[in-house]
C-alpha atoms as a PDB file:
ATOM      1  CA  UNK A   1     -38.192 -11.747 -19.701  1.00  0.00           C
ATOM      2  CA  UNK A   2     -41.813 -11.346 -20.579  1.00  0.00           C
ATOM      3  CA  UNK A   3     -44.213  -9.982 -17.943  1.00  0.00           C
ATOM      4  CA  UNK A   4     -47.334 -11.587 -19.097  1.00  0.00           C
ATOM      5  CA  UNK A   5     -48.277 -15.050 -18.484  1.00  0.00           C
ATOM      6  CA  UNK A   6     -48.897 -17.566 -21.103  1.00  0.00           C
ATOM      7  CA  UNK A   7     -52.556 -18.602 -21.469  1.00  0.00           C
ATOM      8  CA  UNK A   8     -53.692 -21.692 -23.020  1.00  0.00           C
ATOM      9  CA  UNK A   9     -55.735 -20.514 -25.886  1.00  0.00           C
ATOM     10  CA  UNK A  10     -55.613 -17.286 -24.631  1.00  0.00           C
ATOM     11  CA  UNK A  11     -57.997 -18.026 -21.682  1.00  0.00           C
ATOM     12  CA  UNK A  12     -56.613 -20.303 -19.039  1.00  0.00           C
ATOM     13  CA  UNK A  13     -53.514 -20.289 -16.924  1.00  0.00           C
ATOM     14  CA  UNK A  14     -52.801 -22.406 -14.017  1.00  0.00           C
ATOM     15  CA  UNK A  15     -51.738 -21.141 -10.603  1.00  0.00           C
ATOM     16  CA  UNK A  16     -49.867 -23.883  -8.533  1.00  0.00           C
ATOM     17  CA  UNK A  17     -47.183 -23.531  -5.501  1.00  0.00           C
ATOM     18  CA  UNK A  18     -43.707 -24.885  -6.001  1.00  0.00           C
ATOM     19  CA  UNK A  19     -41.972 -26.803  -3.122  1.00  0.00           C
ATOM     20  CA  UNK A  20     -38.513 -26.192  -4.509  1.00  0.00           C
ATOM     21  CA  UNK A  21     -36.692 -24.654  -7.722  1.00  0.00           C
ATOM     22  CA  UNK A  22     -36.396 -28.150  -9.381  1.00  0.00           C
ATOM     23  CA  UNK A  23     -40.352 -28.694  -8.497  1.00  0.00           C
ATOM     24  CA  UNK A  24     -41.045 -25.020 -10.091  1.00  0.00           C
ATOM     25  CA  UNK A  25     -39.115 -26.274 -13.155  1.00  0.00           C
ATOM     26  CA  UNK A  26     -40.829 -29.555 -13.219  1.00  0.00           C
ATOM     27  CA  UNK A  27     -44.458 -27.952 -12.792  1.00  0.00           C
ATOM     28  CA  UNK A  28     -43.711 -25.382 -15.514  1.00  0.00           C
ATOM     29  CA  UNK A  29     -42.807 -28.151 -17.998  1.00  0.00           C
ATOM     30  CA  UNK A  30     -45.816 -30.303 -17.153  1.00  0.00           C
ATOM     31  CA  UNK A  31     -48.035 -27.429 -18.132  1.00  0.00           C
ATOM     32  CA  UNK A  32     -45.951 -26.627 -20.969  1.00  0.00           C
ATOM     33  CA  UNK A  33     -45.562 -23.043 -19.699  1.00  0.00           C
ATOM     34  CA  UNK A  34     -49.433 -22.595 -19.136  1.00  0.00           C
ATOM     35  CA  UNK A  35     -48.753 -21.941 -15.477  1.00  0.00           C
ATOM     36  CA  UNK A  36     -47.905 -19.471 -12.904  1.00  0.00           C
ATOM     37  CA  UNK A  37     -45.568 -21.058 -10.273  1.00  0.00           C
ATOM     38  CA  UNK A  38     -46.426 -19.534  -6.465  1.00  0.00           C
ATOM     39  CA  UNK A  39     -43.567 -18.502  -4.141  1.00  0.00           C
ATOM     40  CA  UNK A  40     -44.827 -17.512  -0.796  1.00  0.00           C
ATOM     41  CA  UNK A  41     -43.297 -14.340   0.633  1.00  0.00           C
ATOM     42  CA  UNK A  42     -44.438 -15.610   4.027  1.00  0.00           C
ATOM     43  CA  UNK A  43     -41.478 -18.084   3.638  1.00  0.00           C
ATOM     44  CA  UNK A  44     -38.708 -15.488   3.788  1.00  0.00           C
ATOM     45  CA  UNK A  45     -37.778 -13.367   6.665  1.00  0.00           C
ATOM     46  CA  UNK A  46     -36.849 -10.310   4.838  1.00  0.00           C
ATOM     47  CA  UNK A  47     -37.502  -8.665   1.196  1.00  0.00           C
ATOM     48  CA  UNK A  48     -33.976  -9.192   0.135  1.00  0.00           C
ATOM     49  CA  UNK A  49     -33.831 -12.635   0.784  1.00  0.00           C
ATOM     50  CA  UNK A  50     -37.018 -13.129  -1.042  1.00  0.00           C
ATOM     51  CA  UNK A  51     -35.823 -10.946  -4.042  1.00  0.00           C
ATOM     52  CA  UNK A  52     -32.593 -13.032  -4.297  1.00  0.00           C
ATOM     53  CA  UNK A  53     -34.283 -16.616  -4.363  1.00  0.00           C
ATOM     54  CA  UNK A  54     -37.338 -15.556  -6.327  1.00  0.00           C
ATOM     55  CA  UNK A  55     -35.158 -14.195  -9.086  1.00  0.00           C
ATOM     56  CA  UNK A  56     -33.639 -17.651  -9.276  1.00  0.00           C
ATOM     57  CA  UNK A  57     -37.071 -19.371  -9.432  1.00  0.00           C
ATOM     58  CA  UNK A  58     -38.149 -16.816 -12.195  1.00  0.00           C
ATOM     59  CA  UNK A  59     -34.909 -17.583 -14.051  1.00  0.00           C
ATOM     60  CA  UNK A  60     -35.889 -21.252 -14.442  1.00  0.00           C
ATOM     61  CA  UNK A  61     -39.362 -20.873 -15.493  1.00  0.00           C
ATOM     62  CA  UNK A  62     -39.244 -17.939 -18.089  1.00  0.00           C
ATOM     63  CA  UNK A  63     -40.557 -15.458 -15.296  1.00  0.00           C
ATOM     64  CA  UNK A  64     -44.002 -17.301 -14.819  1.00  0.00           C
ATOM     65  CA  UNK A  65     -43.733 -16.452 -11.131  1.00  0.00           C
ATOM     66  CA  UNK A  66     -46.452 -15.715  -8.802  1.00  0.00           C
ATOM     67  CA  UNK A  67     -45.542 -14.044  -5.687  1.00  0.00           C
ATOM     68  CA  UNK A  68     -47.706 -15.034  -3.052  1.00  0.00           C
ATOM     69  CA  UNK A  69     -48.971 -13.701   0.525  1.00  0.00           C
ATOM     70  CA  UNK A  70     -49.159 -17.083   2.151  1.00  0.00           C
ATOM     71  CA  UNK A  71     -52.620 -18.374   3.068  1.00  0.00           C
ATOM     72  CA  UNK A  72     -53.984 -15.018   2.036  1.00  0.00           C
ATOM     73  CA  UNK A  73     -52.284 -13.521   5.053  1.00  0.00           C
ATOM     74  CA  UNK A  74     -52.962  -9.732   4.920  1.00  0.00           C
ATOM     75  CA  UNK A  75     -50.149  -8.940   6.954  1.00  0.00           C
ATOM     76  CA  UNK A  76     -47.900 -10.081   4.151  1.00  0.00           C
ATOM     77  CA  UNK A  77     -49.282  -7.503   1.916  1.00  0.00           C
ATOM     78  CA  UNK A  78     -46.680  -4.680   2.088  1.00  0.00           C
ATOM     79  CA  UNK A  79     -43.977  -7.418   1.615  1.00  0.00           C
ATOM     80  CA  UNK A  80     -45.375  -8.819  -1.574  1.00  0.00           C
ATOM     81  CA  UNK A  81     -45.444  -5.245  -2.982  1.00  0.00           C
ATOM     82  CA  UNK A  82     -41.812  -4.697  -1.794  1.00  0.00           C
ATOM     83  CA  UNK A  83     -40.653  -7.801  -3.286  1.00  0.00           C
ATOM     84  CA  UNK A  84     -42.743  -7.555  -6.618  1.00  0.00           C
ATOM     85  CA  UNK A  85     -41.347  -3.994  -7.300  1.00  0.00           C
ATOM     86  CA  UNK A  86     -37.894  -5.567  -7.575  1.00  0.00           C
ATOM     87  CA  UNK A  87     -38.569  -9.021  -9.056  1.00  0.00           C
ATOM     88  CA  UNK A  88     -41.154  -7.849 -11.681  1.00  0.00           C
ATOM     89  CA  UNK A  89     -43.040 -11.203 -11.843  1.00  0.00           C
ATOM     90  CA  UNK A  90     -45.686 -12.090 -14.161  1.00  0.00           C
ATOM     91  CA  UNK A  91     -48.176 -12.552 -11.322  1.00  0.00           C
ATOM     92  CA  UNK A  92     -48.780 -10.646  -7.892  1.00  0.00           C
ATOM     93  CA  UNK A  93     -51.341 -11.817  -5.334  1.00  0.00           C
ATOM     94  CA  UNK A  94     -52.724  -9.067  -3.150  1.00  0.00           C
ATOM     95  CA  UNK A  95     -55.392  -8.582  -0.643  1.00  0.00           C
ATOM     96  CA  UNK A  96     -58.287  -6.098  -1.987  1.00  0.00           C
ATOM     97  CA  UNK A  97     -56.600  -2.886  -0.309  1.00  0.00           C
ATOM     98  CA  UNK A  98     -52.980  -3.724  -1.501  1.00  0.00           C
ATOM     99  CA  UNK A  99     -53.671  -3.650  -5.182  1.00  0.00           C
ATOM    100  CA  UNK A 100     -52.914   0.103  -5.714  1.00  0.00           C
ATOM    101  CA  UNK A 101     -49.584  -0.305  -3.992  1.00  0.00           C
ATOM    102  CA  UNK A 102     -48.381  -3.263  -5.830  1.00  0.00           C
ATOM    103  CA  UNK A 103     -49.430  -1.573  -9.161  1.00  0.00           C
ATOM    104  CA  UNK A 104     -47.712   1.662  -8.347  1.00  0.00           C
ATOM    105  CA  UNK A 105     -44.444   0.152  -7.275  1.00  0.00           C
ATOM    106  CA  UNK A 106     -44.327  -2.310 -10.047  1.00  0.00           C
ATOM    107  CA  UNK A 107     -44.293   0.597 -12.579  1.00  0.00           C
ATOM    108  CA  UNK A 108     -45.855  -1.008 -15.494  1.00  0.00           C
ATOM    109  CA  UNK A 109     -49.502  -2.393 -16.347  1.00  0.00           C
ATOM    110  CA  UNK A 110     -48.415  -6.085 -17.786  1.00  0.00           C
ATOM    111  CA  UNK A 111     -48.074  -7.929 -14.595  1.00  0.00           C
ATOM    112  CA  UNK A 112     -51.254  -9.549 -13.364  1.00  0.00           C
ATOM    113  CA  UNK A 113     -52.189  -8.217  -9.963  1.00  0.00           C
ATOM    114  CA  UNK A 114     -55.377  -9.652  -8.351  1.00  0.00           C
ATOM    115  CA  UNK A 115     -57.346  -8.462  -5.530  1.00  0.00           C
ATOM    116  CA  UNK A 116     -58.793 -10.774  -2.964  1.00  0.00           C
ATOM    117  CA  UNK A 117     -62.584 -10.746  -2.175  1.00  0.00           C
ATOM    118  CA  UNK A 118     -64.166 -13.299  -0.224  1.00  0.00           C
ATOM    119  CA  UNK A 119     -67.599 -15.359  -0.614  1.00  0.00           C
ATOM    120  CA  UNK A 120     -70.585 -13.920   1.542  1.00  0.00           C
ATOM    121  CA  UNK A 121     -73.276 -16.601   1.022  1.00  0.00           C
ATOM    122  CA  UNK A 122     -75.055 -14.107  -1.108  1.00  0.00           C
ATOM    123  CA  UNK A 123     -74.906 -14.372  -5.097  1.00  0.00           C
ATOM    124  CA  UNK A 124     -73.874 -10.867  -6.623  1.00  0.00           C
ATOM    125  CA  UNK A 125     -72.057  -9.771  -3.233  1.00  0.00           C
ATOM    126  CA  UNK A 126     -68.597  -9.840  -2.038  1.00  0.00           C
ATOM    127  CA  UNK A 127     -66.636  -9.055   1.001  1.00  0.00           C
ATOM    128  CA  UNK A 128     -63.686  -6.819   0.116  1.00  0.00           C
ATOM    129  CA  UNK A 129     -62.435  -6.240   3.866  1.00  0.00           C
ATOM    130  CA  UNK A 130     -59.395  -8.309   3.255  1.00  0.00           C
ATOM    131  CA  UNK A 131     -56.878  -6.030   4.283  1.00  0.00           C
ATOM    132  CA  UNK A 132     -54.691  -6.059   7.331  1.00  0.00           C
ATOM    133  CA  UNK A 133     -56.677  -3.543   9.296  1.00  0.00           C
ATOM    134  CA  UNK A 134     -60.149  -4.012   7.457  1.00  0.00           C
ATOM    135  CA  UNK A 135     -60.175  -7.706   7.864  1.00  0.00           C
ATOM    136  CA  UNK A 136     -60.397  -7.054  11.668  1.00  0.00           C
ATOM    137  CA  UNK A 137     -63.378  -4.532  11.176  1.00  0.00           C
ATOM    138  CA  UNK A 138     -67.048  -5.011  10.375  1.00  0.00           C
ATOM    139  CA  UNK A 139     -67.516  -6.958   7.198  1.00  0.00           C
ATOM    140  CA  UNK A 140     -67.237  -4.645   4.007  1.00  0.00           C
ATOM    141  CA  UNK A 141     -69.847  -6.167   1.606  1.00  0.00           C
ATOM    142  CA  UNK A 142     -70.570  -4.649  -2.064  1.00  0.00           C
ATOM    143  CA  UNK A 143     -72.065  -5.528  -5.060  1.00  0.00           C
ATOM    144  CA  UNK A 144     -69.494  -7.803  -7.466  1.00  0.00           C
ATOM    145  CA  UNK A 145     -69.720  -4.820 -10.230  1.00  0.00           C
ATOM    146  CA  UNK A 146     -68.522  -2.327  -7.481  1.00  0.00           C
ATOM    147  CA  UNK A 147     -65.864  -4.444  -6.272  1.00  0.00           C
ATOM    148  CA  UNK A 148     -64.695  -5.034  -9.834  1.00  0.00           C
ATOM    149  CA  UNK A 149     -64.931  -1.128 -10.686  1.00  0.00           C
ATOM    150  CA  UNK A 150     -62.702  -0.417  -7.431  1.00  0.00           C
ATOM    151  CA  UNK A 151     -60.076  -3.110  -8.452  1.00  0.00           C
ATOM    152  CA  UNK A 152     -59.943  -1.289 -11.845  1.00  0.00           C
ATOM    153  CA  UNK A 153     -59.418   2.227 -10.121  1.00  0.00           C
ATOM    154  CA  UNK A 154     -56.373   0.598  -8.206  1.00  0.00           C
ATOM    155  CA  UNK A 155     -54.939  -0.987 -11.311  1.00  0.00           C
ATOM    156  CA  UNK A 156     -56.021  -4.513 -10.823  1.00  0.00           C
ATOM    157  CA  UNK A 157     -56.261  -7.038 -13.256  1.00  0.00           C
ATOM    158  CA  UNK A 158     -58.233  -9.663 -11.641  1.00  0.00           C
ATOM    159  CA  UNK A 159     -60.556 -10.758  -8.790  1.00  0.00           C
ATOM    160  CA  UNK A 160     -59.265 -13.466  -6.701  1.00  0.00           C
ATOM    161  CA  UNK A 161     -62.078 -15.333  -4.805  1.00  0.00           C
ATOM    162  CA  UNK A 162     -61.031 -17.113  -1.743  1.00  0.00           C
ATOM    163  CA  UNK A 163     -62.240 -19.525  -0.328  1.00  0.00           C
ATOM    164  CA  UNK A 164     -64.115 -21.451  -2.951  1.00  0.00           C
ATOM    165  CA  UNK A 165     -64.464 -24.488  -0.396  1.00  0.00           C
ATOM    166  CA  UNK A 166     -66.710 -22.337   1.984  1.00  0.00           C
ATOM    167  CA  UNK A 167     -69.152 -21.292  -0.599  1.00  0.00           C
ATOM    168  CA  UNK A 168     -72.606 -21.523   0.290  1.00  0.00           C
ATOM    169  CA  UNK A 169     -73.743 -22.031  -3.274  1.00  0.00           C
ATOM    170  CA  UNK A 170     -72.113 -22.577  -6.487  1.00  0.00           C
ATOM    171  CA  UNK A 171     -74.401 -19.863  -7.614  1.00  0.00           C
ATOM    172  CA  UNK A 172     -72.333 -17.392  -6.014  1.00  0.00           C
ATOM    173  CA  UNK A 173     -69.365 -18.438  -7.980  1.00  0.00           C
ATOM    174  CA  UNK A 174     -71.701 -18.263 -11.145  1.00  0.00           C
ATOM    175  CA  UNK A 175     -72.883 -14.590 -10.472  1.00  0.00           C
ATOM    176  CA  UNK A 176     -69.315 -13.645 -10.014  1.00  0.00           C
ATOM    177  CA  UNK A 177     -68.097 -15.176 -12.991  1.00  0.00           C
ATOM    178  CA  UNK A 178     -70.990 -13.408 -15.003  1.00  0.00           C
ATOM    179  CA  UNK A 179     -70.008  -9.974 -13.575  1.00  0.00           C
ATOM    180  CA  UNK A 180     -66.395 -10.540 -14.621  1.00  0.00           C
ATOM    181  CA  UNK A 181     -67.433 -11.274 -18.108  1.00  0.00           C
ATOM    182  CA  UNK A 182     -69.952  -8.205 -18.032  1.00  0.00           C
ATOM    183  CA  UNK A 183     -67.251  -6.019 -16.837  1.00  0.00           C
ATOM    184  CA  UNK A 184     -64.243  -7.360 -18.747  1.00  0.00           C
ATOM    185  CA  UNK A 185     -62.487  -8.432 -15.828  1.00  0.00           C
ATOM    186  CA  UNK A 186     -60.385 -11.617 -15.339  1.00  0.00           C
ATOM    187  CA  UNK A 187     -61.213 -14.182 -12.625  1.00  0.00           C
ATOM    188  CA  UNK A 188     -58.976 -16.152 -10.043  1.00  0.00           C
ATOM    189  CA  UNK A 189     -60.798 -18.875  -8.124  1.00  0.00           C
ATOM    190  CA  UNK A 190     -59.135 -20.466  -5.289  1.00  0.00           C
ATOM    191  CA  UNK A 191     -59.265 -22.382  -2.112  1.00  0.00           C
ATOM    192  CA  UNK A 192     -60.393 -25.958  -1.979  1.00  0.00           C
ATOM    193  CA  UNK A 193     -59.994 -26.608  -5.988  1.00  0.00           C
ATOM    194  CA  UNK A 194     -59.126 -30.277  -6.814  1.00  0.00           C
ATOM    195  CA  UNK A 195     -58.962 -32.690  -9.480  1.00  0.00           C
ATOM    196  CA  UNK A 196     -62.486 -33.625  -9.011  1.00  0.00           C
ATOM    197  CA  UNK A 197     -64.002 -30.430  -9.234  1.00  0.00           C
ATOM    198  CA  UNK A 198     -61.760 -28.362 -11.371  1.00  0.00           C
ATOM    199  CA  UNK A 199     -63.428 -29.021 -14.556  1.00  0.00           C
ATOM    200  CA  UNK A 200     -66.803 -27.848 -12.957  1.00  0.00           C
ATOM    201  CA  UNK A 201     -65.417 -24.616 -11.786  1.00  0.00           C
ATOM    202  CA  UNK A 202     -63.564 -23.856 -14.941  1.00  0.00           C
ATOM    203  CA  UNK A 203     -66.611 -24.562 -17.057  1.00  0.00           C
ATOM    204  CA  UNK A 204     -68.784 -22.211 -15.008  1.00  0.00           C
ATOM    205  CA  UNK A 205     -66.225 -19.464 -15.469  1.00  0.00           C
ATOM    206  CA  UNK A 206     -65.565 -20.076 -19.311  1.00  0.00           C
ATOM    207  CA  UNK A 207     -69.355 -20.610 -19.952  1.00  0.00           C
ATOM    208  CA  UNK A 208     -70.016 -17.336 -18.210  1.00  0.00           C
ATOM    209  CA  UNK A 209     -67.933 -15.532 -20.718  1.00  0.00           C
ATOM    210  CA  UNK A 210     -65.036 -14.608 -18.522  1.00  0.00           C
ATOM    211  CA  UNK A 211     -61.918 -13.517 -20.799  1.00  0.00           C
ATOM    212  CA  UNK A 212     -59.097 -15.092 -18.705  1.00  0.00           C
ATOM    213  CA  UNK A 213     -59.270 -17.408 -15.814  1.00  0.00           C
ATOM    214  CA  UNK A 214     -56.461 -18.362 -13.525  1.00  0.00           C
ATOM    215  CA  UNK A 215     -57.485 -21.060 -11.293  1.00  0.00           C
ATOM    216  CA  UNK A 216     -55.475 -21.691  -8.225  1.00  0.00           C
ATOM    217  CA  UNK A 217     -54.721 -25.335  -7.250  1.00  0.00           C
ATOM    218  CA  UNK A 218     -52.843 -25.816  -4.110  1.00  0.00           C
ATOM    219  CA  UNK A 219     -52.834 -28.111  -1.333  1.00  0.00           C
ATOM    220  CA  UNK A 220     -54.983 -31.064  -3.212  1.00  0.00           C
ATOM    221  CA  UNK A 221     -51.972 -31.508  -5.588  1.00  0.00           C
ATOM    222  CA  UNK A 222     -49.034 -31.437  -3.161  1.00  0.00           C
ATOM    223  CA  UNK A 223     -47.601 -34.468  -1.892  1.00  0.00           C
ATOM    224  CA  UNK A 224     -47.817 -34.465   1.768  1.00  0.00           C
ATOM    225  CA  UNK A 225     -44.487 -36.213   2.437  1.00  0.00           C
ATOM    226  CA  UNK A 226     -42.250 -34.054   0.217  1.00  0.00           C
ATOM    227  CA  UNK A 227     -44.037 -30.733   0.291  1.00  0.00           C
ATOM    228  CA  UNK A 228     -43.764 -30.721  -3.486  1.00  0.00           C
ATOM    229  CA  UNK A 229     -46.385 -30.336  -6.096  1.00  0.00           C
ATOM    230  CA  UNK A 230     -46.977 -33.129  -8.337  1.00  0.00           C
ATOM    231  CA  UNK A 231     -46.177 -32.678 -11.807  1.00  0.00           C
ATOM    232  CA  UNK A 232     -48.327 -35.589 -13.143  1.00  0.00           C
ATOM    233  CA  UNK A 233     -51.340 -33.774 -11.276  1.00  0.00           C
ATOM    234  CA  UNK A 234     -50.520 -30.470 -13.113  1.00  0.00           C
ATOM    235  CA  UNK A 235     -50.314 -32.595 -16.109  1.00  0.00           C
ATOM    236  CA  UNK A 236     -53.725 -33.966 -15.434  1.00  0.00           C
ATOM    237  CA  UNK A 237     -54.936 -30.298 -14.845  1.00  0.00           C
ATOM    238  CA  UNK A 238     -53.944 -29.187 -18.457  1.00  0.00           C
ATOM    239  CA  UNK A 239     -55.434 -32.163 -19.823  1.00  0.00           C
ATOM    240  CA  UNK A 240     -58.709 -31.173 -18.295  1.00  0.00           C
ATOM    241  CA  UNK A 241     -58.428 -27.935 -19.457  1.00  0.00           C
ATOM    242  CA  UNK A 242     -57.869 -28.928 -23.146  1.00  0.00           C
ATOM    243  CA  UNK A 243     -60.938 -31.162 -22.806  1.00  0.00           C
ATOM    244  CA  UNK A 244     -62.832 -28.246 -21.403  1.00  0.00           C
ATOM    245  CA  UNK A 245     -61.856 -25.963 -24.214  1.00  0.00           C
ATOM    246  CA  UNK A 246     -62.079 -28.532 -27.095  1.00  0.00           C
END
């Protein structure tokens, strides 16, 4: 199975969570394959059980699997790397300090590996102390261009910007997008994105010139009663994507 995601017009690929294997298949079909389907490492009690189950997910969606931490939990970093080494998914979610380990264990450069950076309230600056130990230390805040260079040093593909919903100013996201474009780096906004603000966020990233964008849309499109992502909402996100890129 191929290791690279299927980007719509080579620029946008959704990232949403699956509540079951059938849900994963339904989501994938609703997005016509332009999606990475998240399965969280935190939901498993061992690497072996996760690997077995995630391989079954991958088989249903042409390997469009995104191995997740679970609410950005830094304590899942090592488990995500261990799972990904065996599963070889198309996408790996990592804290900033876990990127190098994931890339080394994957043993190839095709799988997308993101590194988590957080907003600071200061456009052009991001917090990179998102690892299991560093998240408890004094904030490590660096210029966006420096964070991107560090991620490239570690073999990262993209910066995951989380949480979007706590941003002080949309200008902070715009500055990040412009830096990603200037440094030929991919961008993954996540946290608080819904059907109402998705278009605005996507337009900012694309207008800035970001080459590839992987927006994560999670809780806002999950049915609270069933825990399943609504395929109809995924189809709506794809319709918005087509509109923005028309």
